């Protein structure tokens, strides 16, 4: 596959993704509109063609289904923000109830703050693992071997799956766009 510039640019951006860490979260409670904006801003790298990543109804359902703690007086704190970020990231890959179980498992292993920060680190590593070969090699791709610790096996597997899904979607999107639009030289030859 000959890499196109759009895919190269996308891979470059994806390899640089850095998620907000626990200590960078607001120290005060925020309203749902602020929560939604924070999540959209943080996860904009996942949005294709204006996809809606999260809505107020989705968040309300997460609370109703016991996926996350309830807001207090219609305000969301750091813990609830983290839940919405992680659920939004994982829902394209796992059924919602498996996400709930996975979050609970990781919290049991590491506690809230460490579980979230570990998740961020492992996701960033997975994105780099999937997207850096595209930037560096541009022709044939060799994915590096990765050693996973037992306590990070679940989050490593799911973040690698998410990274691979995002790459696949972008490859399909850019190929479809490339096929749909004739190149300048093809357009010139048709006019003759």
C-alpha atoms as a PDB file:
ATOM      1  CA  UNK A   1       0.000   0.000   0.000  1.00  0.00           C
ATOM      2  CA  UNK A   2       1.393   3.358  -0.960  1.00  0.00           C
ATOM      3  CA  UNK A   3       0.619   5.750   1.872  1.00  0.00           C
ATOM      4  CA  UNK A   4      -1.270   8.918   1.013  1.00  0.00           C
ATOM      5  CA  UNK A   5      -0.619  12.268   2.665  1.00  0.00           C
ATOM      6  CA  UNK A   6      -3.933  12.319   4.533  1.00  0.00           C
ATOM      7  CA  UNK A   7      -3.204   8.975   6.175  1.00  0.00           C
ATOM      8  CA  UNK A   8       0.368  10.057   6.965  1.00  0.00           C
ATOM      9  CA  UNK A   9      -0.872  13.283   8.582  1.00  0.00           C
ATOM     10  CA  UNK A  10      -3.495  11.361  10.540  1.00  0.00           C
ATOM     11  CA  UNK A  11      -0.908   8.837  11.759  1.00  0.00           C
ATOM     12  CA  UNK A  12       1.358  11.681  12.831  1.00  0.00           C
ATOM     13  CA  UNK A  13      -1.451  13.283  14.844  1.00  0.00           C
ATOM     14  CA  UNK A  14      -2.506   9.962  16.380  1.00  0.00           C
ATOM     15  CA  UNK A  15       1.030   9.108  17.477  1.00  0.00           C
ATOM     16  CA  UNK A  16       1.078  12.402  19.405  1.00  0.00           C
ATOM     17  CA  UNK A  17      -2.224  11.970  21.271  1.00  0.00           C
ATOM     18  CA  UNK A  18      -1.909  12.778  24.968  1.00  0.00           C
ATOM     19  CA  UNK A  19      -4.904  12.327  27.246  1.00  0.00           C
ATOM     20  CA  UNK A  20      -5.645  14.508  30.226  1.00  0.00           C
ATOM     21  CA  UNK A  21      -4.386  12.903  33.434  1.00  0.00           C
ATOM     22  CA  UNK A  22      -6.159  12.653  36.784  1.00  0.00           C
ATOM     23  CA  UNK A  23      -4.234  15.560  38.338  1.00  0.00           C
ATOM     24  CA  UNK A  24      -5.067  17.767  35.324  1.00  0.00           C
ATOM     25  CA  UNK A  25      -8.820  17.311  35.737  1.00  0.00           C
ATOM     26  CA  UNK A  26     -10.838  20.192  37.164  1.00  0.00           C
ATOM     27  CA  UNK A  27     -10.663  20.284  40.962  1.00  0.00           C
ATOM     28  CA  UNK A  28     -14.244  21.559  41.080  1.00  0.00           C
ATOM     29  CA  UNK A  29     -17.519  20.022  39.937  1.00  0.00           C
ATOM     30  CA  UNK A  30     -18.812  20.908  36.474  1.00  0.00           C
ATOM     31  CA  UNK A  31     -22.211  20.897  34.772  1.00  0.00           C
ATOM     32  CA  UNK A  32     -23.183  18.430  32.053  1.00  0.00           C
ATOM     33  CA  UNK A  33     -22.555  20.888  29.198  1.00  0.00           C
ATOM     34  CA  UNK A  34     -19.022  21.458  30.483  1.00  0.00           C
ATOM     35  CA  UNK A  35     -18.539  17.700  30.877  1.00  0.00           C
ATOM     36  CA  UNK A  36     -19.647  17.042  27.314  1.00  0.00           C
ATOM     37  CA  UNK A  37     -17.365  19.767  25.955  1.00  0.00           C
ATOM     38  CA  UNK A  38     -14.377  18.482  27.921  1.00  0.00           C
ATOM     39  CA  UNK A  39     -14.939  14.930  26.631  1.00  0.00           C
ATOM     40  CA  UNK A  40     -15.427  16.117  23.033  1.00  0.00           C
ATOM     41  CA  UNK A  41     -12.263  18.216  23.208  1.00  0.00           C
ATOM     42  CA  UNK A  42     -10.167  15.448  24.763  1.00  0.00           C
ATOM     43  CA  UNK A  43     -11.410  12.770  22.367  1.00  0.00           C
ATOM     44  CA  UNK A  44     -11.641  14.811  19.177  1.00  0.00           C
ATOM     45  CA  UNK A  45      -9.035  12.483  17.647  1.00  0.00           C
ATOM     46  CA  UNK A  46     -11.720   9.758  17.555  1.00  0.00           C
ATOM     47  CA  UNK A  47     -14.310  11.792  15.687  1.00  0.00           C
ATOM     48  CA  UNK A  48     -14.758  11.049  11.982  1.00  0.00           C
ATOM     49  CA  UNK A  49     -16.904  13.278   9.802  1.00  0.00           C
ATOM     50  CA  UNK A  50     -18.610  14.946  12.737  1.00  0.00           C
ATOM     51  CA  UNK A  51     -19.418  11.765  14.686  1.00  0.00           C
ATOM     52  CA  UNK A  52     -21.167  12.504  17.959  1.00  0.00           C
ATOM     53  CA  UNK A  53     -19.014  10.911  20.632  1.00  0.00           C
ATOM     54  CA  UNK A  54     -21.160  11.606  23.678  1.00  0.00           C
ATOM     55  CA  UNK A  55     -24.483  13.247  24.499  1.00  0.00           C
ATOM     56  CA  UNK A  56     -26.329  14.193  27.659  1.00  0.00           C
ATOM     57  CA  UNK A  57     -28.691  11.238  27.084  1.00  0.00           C
ATOM     58  CA  UNK A  58     -25.755   8.833  26.854  1.00  0.00           C
ATOM     59  CA  UNK A  59     -24.319  10.110  30.138  1.00  0.00           C
ATOM     60  CA  UNK A  60     -27.738   9.837  31.794  1.00  0.00           C
ATOM     61  CA  UNK A  61     -27.962   6.232  30.597  1.00  0.00           C
ATOM     62  CA  UNK A  62     -24.499   5.431  31.954  1.00  0.00           C
ATOM     63  CA  UNK A  63     -25.673   6.668  35.362  1.00  0.00           C
ATOM     64  CA  UNK A  64     -28.985   4.796  35.089  1.00  0.00           C
ATOM     65  CA  UNK A  65     -27.211   1.545  34.157  1.00  0.00           C
ATOM     66  CA  UNK A  66     -24.815   1.871  37.089  1.00  0.00           C
ATOM     67  CA  UNK A  67     -21.815   2.425  34.830  1.00  0.00           C
ATOM     68  CA  UNK A  68     -20.664   5.461  36.797  1.00  0.00           C
ATOM     69  CA  UNK A  69     -21.475   7.362  39.993  1.00  0.00           C
ATOM     70  CA  UNK A  70     -24.460   9.710  39.938  1.00  0.00           C
ATOM     71  CA  UNK A  71     -23.861  13.452  39.623  1.00  0.00           C
ATOM     72  CA  UNK A  72     -24.298  15.446  42.811  1.00  0.00           C
ATOM     73  CA  UNK A  73     -26.777  18.315  42.379  1.00  0.00           C
ATOM     74  CA  UNK A  74     -26.419  17.961  38.585  1.00  0.00           C
ATOM     75  CA  UNK A  75     -22.644  18.438  38.785  1.00  0.00           C
ATOM     76  CA  UNK A  76     -19.885  16.033  37.787  1.00  0.00           C
ATOM     77  CA  UNK A  77     -16.587  15.678  39.587  1.00  0.00           C
ATOM     78  CA  UNK A  78     -13.222  14.309  38.517  1.00  0.00           C
ATOM     79  CA  UNK A  79     -14.231  10.663  39.006  1.00  0.00           C
ATOM     80  CA  UNK A  80     -17.342  10.995  36.859  1.00  0.00           C
ATOM     81  CA  UNK A  81     -15.402  12.819  34.134  1.00  0.00           C
ATOM     82  CA  UNK A  82     -12.939   9.927  34.015  1.00  0.00           C
ATOM     83  CA  UNK A  83     -15.757   7.404  33.701  1.00  0.00           C
ATOM     84  CA  UNK A  84     -17.300   9.267  30.767  1.00  0.00           C
ATOM     85  CA  UNK A  85     -13.920   9.564  29.025  1.00  0.00           C
ATOM     86  CA  UNK A  86     -13.145   5.856  29.381  1.00  0.00           C
ATOM     87  CA  UNK A  87     -16.646   4.685  28.442  1.00  0.00           C
ATOM     88  CA  UNK A  88     -16.638   6.943  25.374  1.00  0.00           C
ATOM     89  CA  UNK A  89     -13.256   5.596  24.298  1.00  0.00           C
ATOM     90  CA  UNK A  90     -14.190   1.949  24.737  1.00  0.00           C
ATOM     91  CA  UNK A  91     -17.803   1.783  23.559  1.00  0.00           C
ATOM     92  CA  UNK A  92     -16.836   1.352  19.883  1.00  0.00           C
ATOM     93  CA  UNK A  93     -14.922  -1.796  20.867  1.00  0.00           C
ATOM     94  CA  UNK A  94     -16.733  -3.492  23.761  1.00  0.00           C
ATOM     95  CA  UNK A  95     -20.343  -4.035  24.826  1.00  0.00           C
ATOM     96  CA  UNK A  96     -21.296  -1.497  27.464  1.00  0.00           C
ATOM     97  CA  UNK A  97     -21.617  -4.034  30.295  1.00  0.00           C
ATOM     98  CA  UNK A  98     -18.160  -5.453  29.542  1.00  0.00           C
ATOM     99  CA  UNK A  99     -16.789  -1.919  29.807  1.00  0.00           C
ATOM    100  CA  UNK A 100     -18.393  -1.648  33.251  1.00  0.00           C
ATOM    101  CA  UNK A 101     -16.812  -4.942  34.348  1.00  0.00           C
ATOM    102  CA  UNK A 102     -13.429  -3.939  32.908  1.00  0.00           C
ATOM    103  CA  UNK A 103     -13.461  -0.606  34.711  1.00  0.00           C
ATOM    104  CA  UNK A 104     -14.354  -2.346  37.974  1.00  0.00           C
ATOM    105  CA  UNK A 105     -11.563  -4.875  37.466  1.00  0.00           C
ATOM    106  CA  UNK A 106      -8.920  -2.234  36.785  1.00  0.00           C
ATOM    107  CA  UNK A 107     -10.057  -0.174  39.787  1.00  0.00           C
ATOM    108  CA  UNK A 108      -9.731  -3.274  42.004  1.00  0.00           C
ATOM    109  CA  UNK A 109      -6.194  -3.796  40.722  1.00  0.00           C
ATOM    110  CA  UNK A 110      -4.955  -0.190  40.886  1.00  0.00           C
ATOM    111  CA  UNK A 111      -7.500   2.155  42.469  1.00  0.00           C
ATOM    112  CA  UNK A 112      -9.294   4.965  40.637  1.00  0.00           C
ATOM    113  CA  UNK A 113      -6.477   7.415  39.994  1.00  0.00           C
ATOM    114  CA  UNK A 114      -3.811   4.860  39.088  1.00  0.00           C
ATOM    115  CA  UNK A 115      -6.239   2.849  36.939  1.00  0.00           C
ATOM    116  CA  UNK A 116      -7.145   5.923  34.914  1.00  0.00           C
ATOM    117  CA  UNK A 117      -3.575   7.183  34.546  1.00  0.00           C
ATOM    118  CA  UNK A 118      -2.416   3.681  33.543  1.00  0.00           C
ATOM    119  CA  UNK A 119      -5.201   3.495  30.995  1.00  0.00           C
ATOM    120  CA  UNK A 120      -4.067   6.817  29.493  1.00  0.00           C
ATOM    121  CA  UNK A 121      -0.438   5.702  29.314  1.00  0.00           C
ATOM    122  CA  UNK A 122      -1.280   2.336  27.766  1.00  0.00           C
ATOM    123  CA  UNK A 123      -3.639   3.931  25.221  1.00  0.00           C
ATOM    124  CA  UNK A 124      -0.939   6.393  24.171  1.00  0.00           C
ATOM    125  CA  UNK A 125       1.552   3.514  23.841  1.00  0.00           C
ATOM    126  CA  UNK A 126      -0.947   1.540  21.746  1.00  0.00           C
ATOM    127  CA  UNK A 127      -1.589   4.499  19.462  1.00  0.00           C
ATOM    128  CA  UNK A 128       2.147   4.921  18.974  1.00  0.00           C
ATOM    129  CA  UNK A 129       2.609   1.218  18.364  1.00  0.00           C
ATOM    130  CA  UNK A 130      -0.031   1.214  15.632  1.00  0.00           C
ATOM    131  CA  UNK A 131       0.650   4.596  14.031  1.00  0.00           C
ATOM    132  CA  UNK A 132       4.434   5.092  14.276  1.00  0.00           C
ATOM    133  CA  UNK A 133       5.235   2.340  11.723  1.00  0.00           C
ATOM    134  CA  UNK A 134       3.146   4.254   9.180  1.00  0.00           C
ATOM    135  CA  UNK A 135       5.131   7.426   9.789  1.00  0.00           C
ATOM    136  CA  UNK A 136       8.520   5.722   9.865  1.00  0.00           C
ATOM    137  CA  UNK A 137       8.210   3.097   7.134  1.00  0.00           C
ATOM    138  CA  UNK A 138       5.641   4.381   4.622  1.00  0.00           C
ATOM    139  CA  UNK A 139       5.652   1.072   2.681  1.00  0.00           C
ATOM    140  CA  UNK A 140       5.877  -2.228   4.541  1.00  0.00           C
ATOM    141  CA  UNK A 141       4.874  -2.134   8.170  1.00  0.00           C
ATOM    142  CA  UNK A 142       6.517  -3.994  11.009  1.00  0.00           C
ATOM    143  CA  UNK A 143       4.802  -3.805  14.353  1.00  0.00           C
ATOM    144  CA  UNK A 144       7.159  -4.117  17.272  1.00  0.00           C
ATOM    145  CA  UNK A 145       6.853  -6.822  19.877  1.00  0.00           C
ATOM    146  CA  UNK A 146       5.260  -5.651  23.086  1.00  0.00           C
ATOM    147  CA  UNK A 147       5.664  -7.149  26.549  1.00  0.00           C
ATOM    148  CA  UNK A 148       2.540  -6.833  28.668  1.00  0.00           C
ATOM    149  CA  UNK A 149       2.373  -7.160  32.429  1.00  0.00           C
ATOM    150  CA  UNK A 150      -0.483  -9.279  33.788  1.00  0.00           C
ATOM    151  CA  UNK A 151      -2.120  -6.323  35.560  1.00  0.00           C
ATOM    152  CA  UNK A 152      -2.192  -4.333  32.292  1.00  0.00           C
ATOM    153  CA  UNK A 153      -3.196  -7.169  29.957  1.00  0.00           C
ATOM    154  CA  UNK A 154      -6.852  -6.156  29.653  1.00  0.00           C
ATOM    155  CA  UNK A 155      -6.203  -2.455  29.058  1.00  0.00           C
ATOM    156  CA  UNK A 156      -3.321  -3.214  26.694  1.00  0.00           C
ATOM    157  CA  UNK A 157      -5.513  -5.521  24.627  1.00  0.00           C
ATOM    158  CA  UNK A 158      -8.461  -3.133  24.416  1.00  0.00           C
ATOM    159  CA  UNK A 159      -6.368  -0.050  23.651  1.00  0.00           C
ATOM    160  CA  UNK A 160      -4.529  -1.922  20.919  1.00  0.00           C
ATOM    161  CA  UNK A 161      -7.904  -2.979  19.477  1.00  0.00           C
ATOM    162  CA  UNK A 162      -9.124   0.639  19.590  1.00  0.00           C
ATOM    163  CA  UNK A 163      -5.955   1.898  17.913  1.00  0.00           C
ATOM    164  CA  UNK A 164      -6.221  -0.730  15.174  1.00  0.00           C
ATOM    165  CA  UNK A 165      -9.900   0.097  14.621  1.00  0.00           C
ATOM    166  CA  UNK A 166      -9.117   3.807  14.224  1.00  0.00           C
ATOM    167  CA  UNK A 167      -6.367   3.009  11.715  1.00  0.00           C
ATOM    168  CA  UNK A 168      -8.628   0.684   9.724  1.00  0.00           C
ATOM    169  CA  UNK A 169     -11.409   3.274   9.572  1.00  0.00           C
ATOM    170  CA  UNK A 170      -8.984   5.934   8.345  1.00  0.00           C
ATOM    171  CA  UNK A 171      -7.485   3.640   5.691  1.00  0.00           C
ATOM    172  CA  UNK A 172     -10.945   2.850   4.371  1.00  0.00           C
ATOM    173  CA  UNK A 173     -12.000   6.493   4.496  1.00  0.00           C
ATOM    174  CA  UNK A 174      -8.904   7.776   2.682  1.00  0.00           C
ATOM    175  CA  UNK A 175      -9.017   5.039   0.047  1.00  0.00           C
ATOM    176  CA  UNK A 176     -12.684   5.730  -0.633  1.00  0.00           C
ATOM    177  CA  UNK A 177     -11.956   9.448  -0.934  1.00  0.00           C
ATOM    178  CA  UNK A 178      -8.959   8.735  -3.186  1.00  0.00           C
ATOM    179  CA  UNK A 179     -11.021   6.424  -5.405  1.00  0.00           C
ATOM    180  CA  UNK A 180     -13.910   8.867  -5.570  1.00  0.00           C
ATOM    181  CA  UNK A 181     -11.750  11.850  -6.580  1.00  0.00           C
ATOM    182  CA  UNK A 182      -9.697  11.562  -9.774  1.00  0.00           C
ATOM    183  CA  UNK A 183      -6.156  12.870  -9.529  1.00  0.00           C
ATOM    184  CA  UNK A 184      -5.269  16.024 -11.426  1.00  0.00           C
ATOM    185  CA  UNK A 185      -3.553  14.059 -14.207  1.00  0.00           C
ATOM    186  CA  UNK A 186      -6.558  11.706 -14.542  1.00  0.00           C
ATOM    187  CA  UNK A 187      -8.911  14.685 -14.733  1.00  0.00           C
ATOM    188  CA  UNK A 188      -6.732  16.340 -17.409  1.00  0.00           C
ATOM    189  CA  UNK A 189      -6.601  13.177 -19.548  1.00  0.00           C
ATOM    190  CA  UNK A 190     -10.411  12.808 -19.430  1.00  0.00           C
ATOM    191  CA  UNK A 191     -10.881  16.343 -20.701  1.00  0.00           C
ATOM    192  CA  UNK A 192      -8.897  15.607 -23.877  1.00  0.00           C
END
